[in-house]
Amino acid sequence: MSATTHASETLAERYRAAVESGDQTALARLYHPEVLLDAHVPNWRFQVQGRDAVVEHTGGGLPGPGRFTTFDTVPTASGDLLVQFEWRQDPDHGDAVVREQHLLRLDDGDIVEQTMFCAGVWDPQLQERMAAEAPLIRP
């Protein structure tokens, strides 16, 4: 394992733990002070810059308390990190699901740019509709 791959995996573990625990201080430590977030959400795109703004949208953009039901990372050939996950909100907070992909561009161990693609927040009614009208071949 190369040093770059190991550093990416360590960053991914820290990212996961910070988001899952809601620890915005730990999440902020992963970002360069001038980090850029380029967010692509259903029917919208926006950008924010700066550690505090990115942390607000990264951790605060998920529906309520919950957990990752999938969390996969792939280091890129250039030393960056692709993260894709599914987040499920706790049922007592509405049982919403979110699927996202993030490309984390790294420089000297910091995230300097984050490109996010979000499929939207799927509430229980939408989940039921998708199950009925578009059953998955492979979950």
N, C-alpha and C. Protein backbone atom coordinates (compact mmCIF):
# COMPACT_ATOMS: atom_id res chain seq x y z
N MET A 1 0.86 -1.18 0.00
CA MET A 1 0.00 0.00 0.00
C MET A 1 0.89 1.23 0.00
N SER A 2 0.60 2.16 -0.90
CA SER A 2 1.39 3.38 -0.98
C SER A 2 1.02 4.32 0.17
N ALA A 3 1.91 5.25 0.43
CA ALA A 3 1.65 6.25 1.49
C ALA A 3 0.42 7.08 1.15
N THR A 4 0.25 7.39 -0.15
CA THR A 4 -0.91 8.19 -0.58
C THR A 4 -2.20 7.43 -0.33
N THR A 5 -2.21 6.13 -0.68
CA THR A 5 -3.42 5.31 -0.45
C THR A 5 -3.72 5.22 1.03
N HIS A 6 -2.70 5.01 1.83
CA HIS A 6 -2.91 4.92 3.29
C HIS A 6 -3.45 6.24 3.84
N ALA A 7 -2.91 7.36 3.40
CA ALA A 7 -3.38 8.67 3.86
C ALA A 7 -4.84 8.89 3.46
N SER A 8 -5.20 8.47 2.23
CA SER A 8 -6.59 8.61 1.77
C SER A 8 -7.53 7.76 2.61
N GLU A 9 -7.12 6.53 2.91
CA GLU A 9 -7.97 5.65 3.72
C GLU A 9 -8.13 6.20 5.13
N THR A 10 -7.07 6.74 5.70
CA THR A 10 -7.16 7.33 7.03
C THR A 10 -8.09 8.54 7.01
N LEU A 11 -7.98 9.38 6.00
CA LEU A 11 -8.86 10.54 5.88
C LEU A 11 -10.31 10.08 5.73
N ALA A 12 -10.54 9.04 4.94
CA ALA A 12 -11.90 8.52 4.75
C ALA A 12 -12.48 8.03 6.08
N GLU A 13 -11.68 7.35 6.88
CA GLU A 13 -12.16 6.87 8.18
C GLU A 13 -12.51 8.04 9.10
N ARG A 14 -11.67 9.08 9.08
CA ARG A 14 -11.94 10.26 9.91
C ARG A 14 -13.18 11.00 9.42
N TYR A 15 -13.34 11.09 8.10
CA TYR A 15 -14.52 11.74 7.50
C TYR A 15 -15.79 11.00 7.93
N ARG A 16 -15.76 9.68 7.78
CA ARG A 16 -16.93 8.87 8.14
C ARG A 16 -17.28 9.06 9.62
N ALA A 17 -16.29 8.94 10.48
CA ALA A 17 -16.55 9.05 11.92
C ALA A 17 -17.10 10.43 12.28
N ALA A 18 -16.55 11.49 11.68
CA ALA A 18 -17.00 12.85 12.00
C ALA A 18 -18.43 13.08 11.54
N VAL A 19 -18.77 12.63 10.32
CA VAL A 19 -20.12 12.83 9.81
C VAL A 19 -21.11 11.99 10.61
N GLU A 20 -20.77 10.74 10.85
CA GLU A 20 -21.70 9.84 11.55
C GLU A 20 -21.96 10.30 12.98
N SER A 21 -20.95 10.84 13.64
CA SER A 21 -21.13 11.29 15.02
C SER A 21 -21.68 12.70 15.12
N GLY A 22 -21.68 13.42 13.99
CA GLY A 22 -22.12 14.81 14.01
C GLY A 22 -21.09 15.74 14.61
N ASP A 23 -19.84 15.31 14.66
CA ASP A 23 -18.76 16.10 15.26
C ASP A 23 -18.23 17.10 14.23
N GLN A 24 -18.79 18.30 14.23
CA GLN A 24 -18.40 19.30 13.25
C GLN A 24 -16.98 19.81 13.46
N THR A 25 -16.49 19.77 14.68
CA THR A 25 -15.10 20.18 14.94
C THR A 25 -14.13 19.20 14.29
N ALA A 26 -14.40 17.91 14.44
CA ALA A 26 -13.54 16.90 13.82
C ALA A 26 -13.64 16.98 12.29
N LEU A 27 -14.84 17.24 11.78
CA LEU A 27 -15.01 17.37 10.34
C LEU A 27 -14.23 18.59 9.83
N ALA A 28 -14.29 19.70 10.54
CA ALA A 28 -13.59 20.92 10.12
C ALA A 28 -12.09 20.70 10.02
N ARG A 29 -11.54 19.85 10.87
CA ARG A 29 -10.09 19.59 10.86
C ARG A 29 -9.63 18.94 9.56
N LEU A 30 -10.54 18.36 8.80
CA LEU A 30 -10.18 17.67 7.56
C LEU A 30 -10.03 18.63 6.39
N TYR A 31 -10.55 19.84 6.53
CA TYR A 31 -10.62 20.79 5.42
C TYR A 31 -9.56 21.88 5.49
N HIS A 32 -9.10 22.27 4.33
CA HIS A 32 -8.25 23.45 4.18
C HIS A 32 -9.13 24.67 4.49
N PRO A 33 -8.57 25.73 5.07
CA PRO A 33 -9.40 26.90 5.41
C PRO A 33 -10.17 27.49 4.22
N GLU A 34 -9.63 27.40 3.00
CA GLU A 34 -10.29 27.97 1.83
C GLU A 34 -10.94 26.91 0.94
N VAL A 35 -11.30 25.77 1.50
CA VAL A 35 -11.91 24.68 0.74
C VAL A 35 -13.13 25.18 -0.04
N LEU A 36 -13.34 24.57 -1.21
CA LEU A 36 -14.51 24.88 -2.05
C LEU A 36 -15.41 23.66 -2.11
N LEU A 37 -16.70 23.86 -1.88
CA LEU A 37 -17.70 22.82 -2.08
C LEU A 37 -18.51 23.17 -3.32
N ASP A 38 -18.55 22.25 -4.27
CA ASP A 38 -19.35 22.37 -5.49
C ASP A 38 -20.44 21.30 -5.37
N ALA A 39 -21.65 21.72 -5.01
CA ALA A 39 -22.73 20.78 -4.69
C ALA A 39 -23.75 20.70 -5.82
N HIS A 40 -24.05 19.46 -6.19
CA HIS A 40 -25.04 19.17 -7.22
C HIS A 40 -26.15 18.38 -6.55
N VAL A 41 -27.29 19.04 -6.36
CA VAL A 41 -28.43 18.42 -5.70
C VAL A 41 -29.60 18.43 -6.70
N PRO A 42 -30.66 17.69 -6.45
CA PRO A 42 -31.75 17.65 -7.44
C PRO A 42 -32.21 19.04 -7.87
N ASN A 43 -32.15 19.27 -9.16
CA ASN A 43 -32.61 20.51 -9.79
C ASN A 43 -31.90 21.76 -9.31
N TRP A 44 -30.66 21.62 -8.79
CA TRP A 44 -29.97 22.80 -8.28
C TRP A 44 -28.47 22.52 -8.21
N ARG A 45 -27.70 23.58 -8.28
CA ARG A 45 -26.26 23.52 -8.06
C ARG A 45 -25.86 24.78 -7.31
N PHE A 46 -24.95 24.62 -6.34
CA PHE A 46 -24.44 25.78 -5.63
C PHE A 46 -23.02 25.51 -5.18
N GLN A 47 -22.31 26.58 -4.85
CA GLN A 47 -20.96 26.49 -4.32
C GLN A 47 -20.86 27.34 -3.06
N VAL A 48 -20.07 26.86 -2.13
CA VAL A 48 -19.70 27.65 -0.96
C VAL A 48 -18.21 27.48 -0.75
N GLN A 49 -17.60 28.47 -0.13
CA GLN A 49 -16.17 28.40 0.11
C GLN A 49 -15.87 28.72 1.56
N GLY A 50 -14.87 28.05 2.08
CA GLY A 50 -14.44 28.26 3.47
C GLY A 50 -14.86 27.07 4.32
N ARG A 51 -14.01 26.77 5.26
CA ARG A 51 -14.18 25.59 6.11
C ARG A 51 -15.55 25.57 6.80
N ASP A 52 -15.95 26.65 7.44
CA ASP A 52 -17.22 26.66 8.19
C ASP A 52 -18.42 26.43 7.28
N ALA A 53 -18.42 27.08 6.12
CA ALA A 53 -19.55 26.92 5.18
C ALA A 53 -19.63 25.49 4.65
N VAL A 54 -18.49 24.91 4.35
CA VAL A 54 -18.48 23.54 3.82
C VAL A 54 -18.92 22.55 4.89
N VAL A 55 -18.43 22.72 6.11
CA VAL A 55 -18.83 21.83 7.20
C VAL A 55 -20.34 21.91 7.43
N GLU A 56 -20.89 23.11 7.38
CA GLU A 56 -22.33 23.29 7.57
C GLU A 56 -23.13 22.49 6.53
N HIS A 57 -22.68 22.53 5.28
CA HIS A 57 -23.40 21.84 4.22
C HIS A 57 -23.09 20.35 4.17
N THR A 58 -21.91 19.95 4.58
CA THR A 58 -21.55 18.53 4.54
C THR A 58 -22.23 17.76 5.66
N GLY A 59 -22.06 18.20 6.89
CA GLY A 59 -22.67 17.51 8.01
C GLY A 59 -24.13 17.86 8.19
N GLY A 60 -24.48 19.13 7.95
CA GLY A 60 -25.84 19.57 8.16
C GLY A 60 -26.77 19.27 7.02
N GLY A 61 -26.23 18.83 5.89
CA GLY A 61 -27.07 18.55 4.73
C GLY A 61 -27.78 17.21 4.79
N LEU A 62 -27.42 16.38 5.75
CA LEU A 62 -28.07 15.08 5.87
C LEU A 62 -29.33 15.22 6.71
N PRO A 63 -30.35 14.43 6.38
CA PRO A 63 -31.56 14.51 7.20
C PRO A 63 -31.30 13.91 8.57
N GLY A 64 -31.66 14.59 9.60
CA GLY A 64 -31.61 14.14 10.99
C GLY A 64 -30.56 13.12 11.37
N PRO A 65 -30.55 12.77 12.64
CA PRO A 65 -29.61 11.76 13.13
C PRO A 65 -29.83 10.43 12.40
N GLY A 66 -28.74 9.73 12.17
CA GLY A 66 -28.86 8.45 11.47
C GLY A 66 -27.55 7.72 11.42
N ARG A 67 -27.39 6.94 10.34
CA ARG A 67 -26.19 6.13 10.19
C ARG A 67 -25.94 5.86 8.72
N PHE A 68 -24.69 5.53 8.41
CA PHE A 68 -24.38 5.08 7.07
C PHE A 68 -24.81 3.64 6.93
N THR A 69 -25.56 3.34 5.87
CA THR A 69 -25.89 1.95 5.58
C THR A 69 -24.93 1.38 4.55
N THR A 70 -24.30 2.25 3.76
CA THR A 70 -23.15 1.89 2.94
C THR A 70 -22.18 3.06 2.99
N PHE A 71 -20.91 2.75 2.87
CA PHE A 71 -19.87 3.78 2.83
C PHE A 71 -18.67 3.17 2.13
N ASP A 72 -18.46 3.58 0.89
CA ASP A 72 -17.38 3.03 0.09
C ASP A 72 -16.45 4.15 -0.35
N THR A 73 -15.16 3.86 -0.38
CA THR A 73 -14.17 4.83 -0.81
C THR A 73 -13.27 4.20 -1.86
N VAL A 74 -12.83 5.04 -2.79
CA VAL A 74 -11.90 4.60 -3.83
C VAL A 74 -10.85 5.70 -3.99
N PRO A 75 -9.59 5.41 -3.67
CA PRO A 75 -8.54 6.40 -3.95
C PRO A 75 -8.36 6.51 -5.47
N THR A 76 -8.17 7.71 -5.96
CA THR A 76 -7.97 7.91 -7.40
C THR A 76 -6.48 7.86 -7.72
N ALA A 77 -6.19 7.73 -9.00
CA ALA A 77 -4.79 7.68 -9.45
C ALA A 77 -4.06 8.97 -9.12
N SER A 78 -4.79 10.08 -9.03
CA SER A 78 -4.16 11.37 -8.74
C SER A 78 -3.98 11.62 -7.24
N GLY A 79 -4.42 10.67 -6.41
CA GLY A 79 -4.25 10.84 -4.97
C GLY A 79 -5.46 11.44 -4.27
N ASP A 80 -6.54 11.66 -5.02
CA ASP A 80 -7.77 12.17 -4.42
C ASP A 80 -8.61 10.99 -3.94
N LEU A 81 -9.82 11.25 -3.49
CA LEU A 81 -10.63 10.21 -2.90
C LEU A 81 -12.08 10.34 -3.35
N LEU A 82 -12.63 9.25 -3.85
CA LEU A 82 -14.05 9.18 -4.19
C LEU A 82 -14.76 8.48 -3.04
N VAL A 83 -15.80 9.11 -2.52
CA VAL A 83 -16.59 8.56 -1.42
C VAL A 83 -18.03 8.45 -1.90
N GLN A 84 -18.63 7.29 -1.72
CA GLN A 84 -20.05 7.16 -2.03
C GLN A 84 -20.71 6.45 -0.86
N PHE A 85 -21.92 6.93 -0.53
CA PHE A 85 -22.58 6.36 0.64
C PHE A 85 -24.10 6.47 0.55
N GLU A 86 -24.73 5.70 1.42
CA GLU A 86 -26.16 5.83 1.66
C GLU A 86 -26.30 6.13 3.15
N TRP A 87 -27.11 7.12 3.45
CA TRP A 87 -27.38 7.55 4.83
C TRP A 87 -28.84 7.29 5.12
N ARG A 88 -29.13 6.62 6.23
CA ARG A 88 -30.51 6.39 6.63
C ARG A 88 -30.77 7.10 7.94
N GLN A 89 -31.74 7.98 7.90
CA GLN A 89 -32.15 8.71 9.10
C GLN A 89 -32.82 7.74 10.05
N ASP A 90 -32.64 7.96 11.34
CA ASP A 90 -33.28 7.13 12.35
C ASP A 90 -34.80 7.16 12.16
N PRO A 91 -35.46 6.00 12.24
CA PRO A 91 -36.90 5.94 11.99
C PRO A 91 -37.73 6.88 12.86
N ASP A 92 -37.30 7.12 14.09
CA ASP A 92 -38.08 8.03 14.95
C ASP A 92 -37.93 9.49 14.52
N HIS A 93 -37.09 9.76 13.51
CA HIS A 93 -36.96 11.10 12.95
C HIS A 93 -37.49 11.17 11.52
N GLY A 94 -38.13 10.10 11.04
CA GLY A 94 -38.74 10.14 9.72
C GLY A 94 -38.28 9.11 8.72
N ASP A 95 -37.22 8.36 9.00
CA ASP A 95 -36.75 7.26 8.16
C ASP A 95 -36.43 7.68 6.72
N ALA A 96 -35.84 8.85 6.53
CA ALA A 96 -35.44 9.30 5.20
C ALA A 96 -34.12 8.64 4.79
N VAL A 97 -33.90 8.55 3.48
CA VAL A 97 -32.67 7.98 2.92
C VAL A 97 -32.04 8.99 1.98
N VAL A 98 -30.70 9.06 1.97
CA VAL A 98 -29.95 9.91 1.07
C VAL A 98 -28.83 9.08 0.47
N ARG A 99 -28.61 9.23 -0.84
CA ARG A 99 -27.47 8.60 -1.52
C ARG A 99 -26.63 9.72 -2.12
N GLU A 100 -25.32 9.68 -1.85
CA GLU A 100 -24.43 10.74 -2.31
C GLU A 100 -23.11 10.17 -2.79
N GLN A 101 -22.46 10.94 -3.68
CA GLN A 101 -21.08 10.70 -4.07
C GLN A 101 -20.32 12.00 -3.87
N HIS A 102 -19.09 11.88 -3.36
CA HIS A 102 -18.24 13.04 -3.12
C HIS A 102 -16.86 12.76 -3.70
N LEU A 103 -16.36 13.69 -4.48
CA LEU A 103 -14.97 13.64 -4.91
C LEU A 103 -14.21 14.62 -4.02
N LEU A 104 -13.30 14.10 -3.23
CA LEU A 104 -12.52 14.91 -2.31
C LEU A 104 -11.13 15.12 -2.90
N ARG A 105 -10.83 16.34 -3.30
CA ARG A 105 -9.51 16.67 -3.83
C ARG A 105 -8.62 17.02 -2.64
N LEU A 106 -7.49 16.38 -2.58
CA LEU A 106 -6.62 16.49 -1.42
C LEU A 106 -5.32 17.20 -1.77
N ASP A 107 -4.81 17.95 -0.80
CA ASP A 107 -3.51 18.58 -0.94
C ASP A 107 -2.87 18.60 0.44
N ASP A 108 -1.75 17.93 0.55
CA ASP A 108 -1.00 17.89 1.81
C ASP A 108 -1.87 17.43 2.98
N GLY A 109 -2.73 16.45 2.73
CA GLY A 109 -3.56 15.88 3.79
C GLY A 109 -4.86 16.60 4.07
N ASP A 110 -5.10 17.74 3.43
CA ASP A 110 -6.34 18.50 3.63
C ASP A 110 -7.26 18.32 2.43
N ILE A 111 -8.56 18.39 2.67
CA ILE A 111 -9.51 18.45 1.58
C ILE A 111 -9.54 19.90 1.10
N VAL A 112 -9.18 20.13 -0.17
CA VAL A 112 -9.15 21.49 -0.70
C VAL A 112 -10.33 21.77 -1.61
N GLU A 113 -10.97 20.71 -2.10
CA GLU A 113 -12.16 20.87 -2.93
C GLU A 113 -13.02 19.62 -2.77
N GLN A 114 -14.32 19.82 -2.69
CA GLN A 114 -15.26 18.72 -2.54
C GLN A 114 -16.39 18.92 -3.55
N THR A 115 -16.51 17.95 -4.45
CA THR A 115 -17.62 17.98 -5.40
C THR A 115 -18.62 16.92 -4.95
N MET A 116 -19.85 17.36 -4.72
CA MET A 116 -20.88 16.48 -4.16
C MET A 116 -22.01 16.30 -5.17
N PHE A 117 -22.44 15.04 -5.33
CA PHE A 117 -23.62 14.71 -6.12
C PHE A 117 -24.59 14.01 -5.19
N CYS A 118 -25.79 14.57 -5.04
CA CYS A 118 -26.80 14.03 -4.13
C CYS A 118 -28.05 13.67 -4.92
N ALA A 119 -28.58 12.50 -4.65
CA ALA A 119 -29.79 12.04 -5.33
C ALA A 119 -31.06 12.58 -4.68
N GLY A 120 -30.92 13.34 -3.62
CA GLY A 120 -32.08 13.89 -2.94
C GLY A 120 -32.41 13.12 -1.67
N VAL A 121 -33.36 13.64 -0.95
CA VAL A 121 -33.82 13.00 0.29
C VAL A 121 -35.08 12.22 -0.05
N TRP A 122 -35.05 10.93 0.22
CA TRP A 122 -36.18 10.05 -0.07
C TRP A 122 -36.94 9.77 1.22
N ASP A 123 -38.10 10.39 1.36
CA ASP A 123 -38.91 10.16 2.55
C ASP A 123 -39.60 8.79 2.43
N PRO A 124 -40.26 8.31 3.50
CA PRO A 124 -40.87 6.99 3.44
C PRO A 124 -41.87 6.81 2.30
N GLN A 125 -42.64 7.85 1.98
CA GLN A 125 -43.61 7.74 0.89
C GLN A 125 -42.91 7.54 -0.45
N LEU A 126 -41.83 8.28 -0.70
CA LEU A 126 -41.09 8.12 -1.94
C LEU A 126 -40.41 6.75 -2.00
N GLN A 127 -39.89 6.28 -0.88
CA GLN A 127 -39.28 4.95 -0.84
C GLN A 127 -40.31 3.87 -1.21
N GLU A 128 -41.52 4.00 -0.68
CA GLU A 128 -42.59 3.03 -1.00
C GLU A 128 -42.95 3.10 -2.48
N ARG A 129 -43.05 4.31 -3.01
CA ARG A 129 -43.40 4.48 -4.42
C ARG A 129 -42.32 3.87 -5.33
N MET A 130 -41.04 4.15 -5.00
CA MET A 130 -39.96 3.58 -5.81
C MET A 130 -39.97 2.05 -5.74
N ALA A 131 -40.23 1.48 -4.56
CA ALA A 131 -40.27 0.03 -4.42
C ALA A 131 -41.38 -0.58 -5.27
N ALA A 132 -42.50 0.12 -5.36
CA ALA A 132 -43.64 -0.38 -6.15
C ALA A 132 -43.46 -0.17 -7.65
N GLU A 133 -42.96 1.00 -8.04
CA GLU A 133 -42.89 1.37 -9.45
C GLU A 133 -41.56 1.07 -10.11
N ALA A 134 -40.51 0.97 -9.33
CA ALA A 134 -39.17 0.75 -9.90
C ALA A 134 -38.36 -0.17 -9.00
N PRO A 135 -38.83 -1.42 -8.83
CA PRO A 135 -38.11 -2.33 -7.93
C PRO A 135 -36.66 -2.53 -8.38
N LEU A 136 -35.78 -2.59 -7.40
CA LEU A 136 -34.36 -2.72 -7.70
C LEU A 136 -34.01 -4.14 -8.14
N ILE A 137 -33.12 -4.23 -9.07
CA ILE A 137 -32.59 -5.51 -9.50
C ILE A 137 -31.50 -5.95 -8.51
N ARG A 138 -30.70 -4.98 -8.10
CA ARG A 138 -29.61 -5.24 -7.17
C ARG A 138 -29.62 -4.13 -6.13
N PRO A 139 -29.97 -4.45 -4.86
CA PRO A 139 -30.04 -3.40 -3.83
C PRO A 139 -28.70 -2.71 -3.59
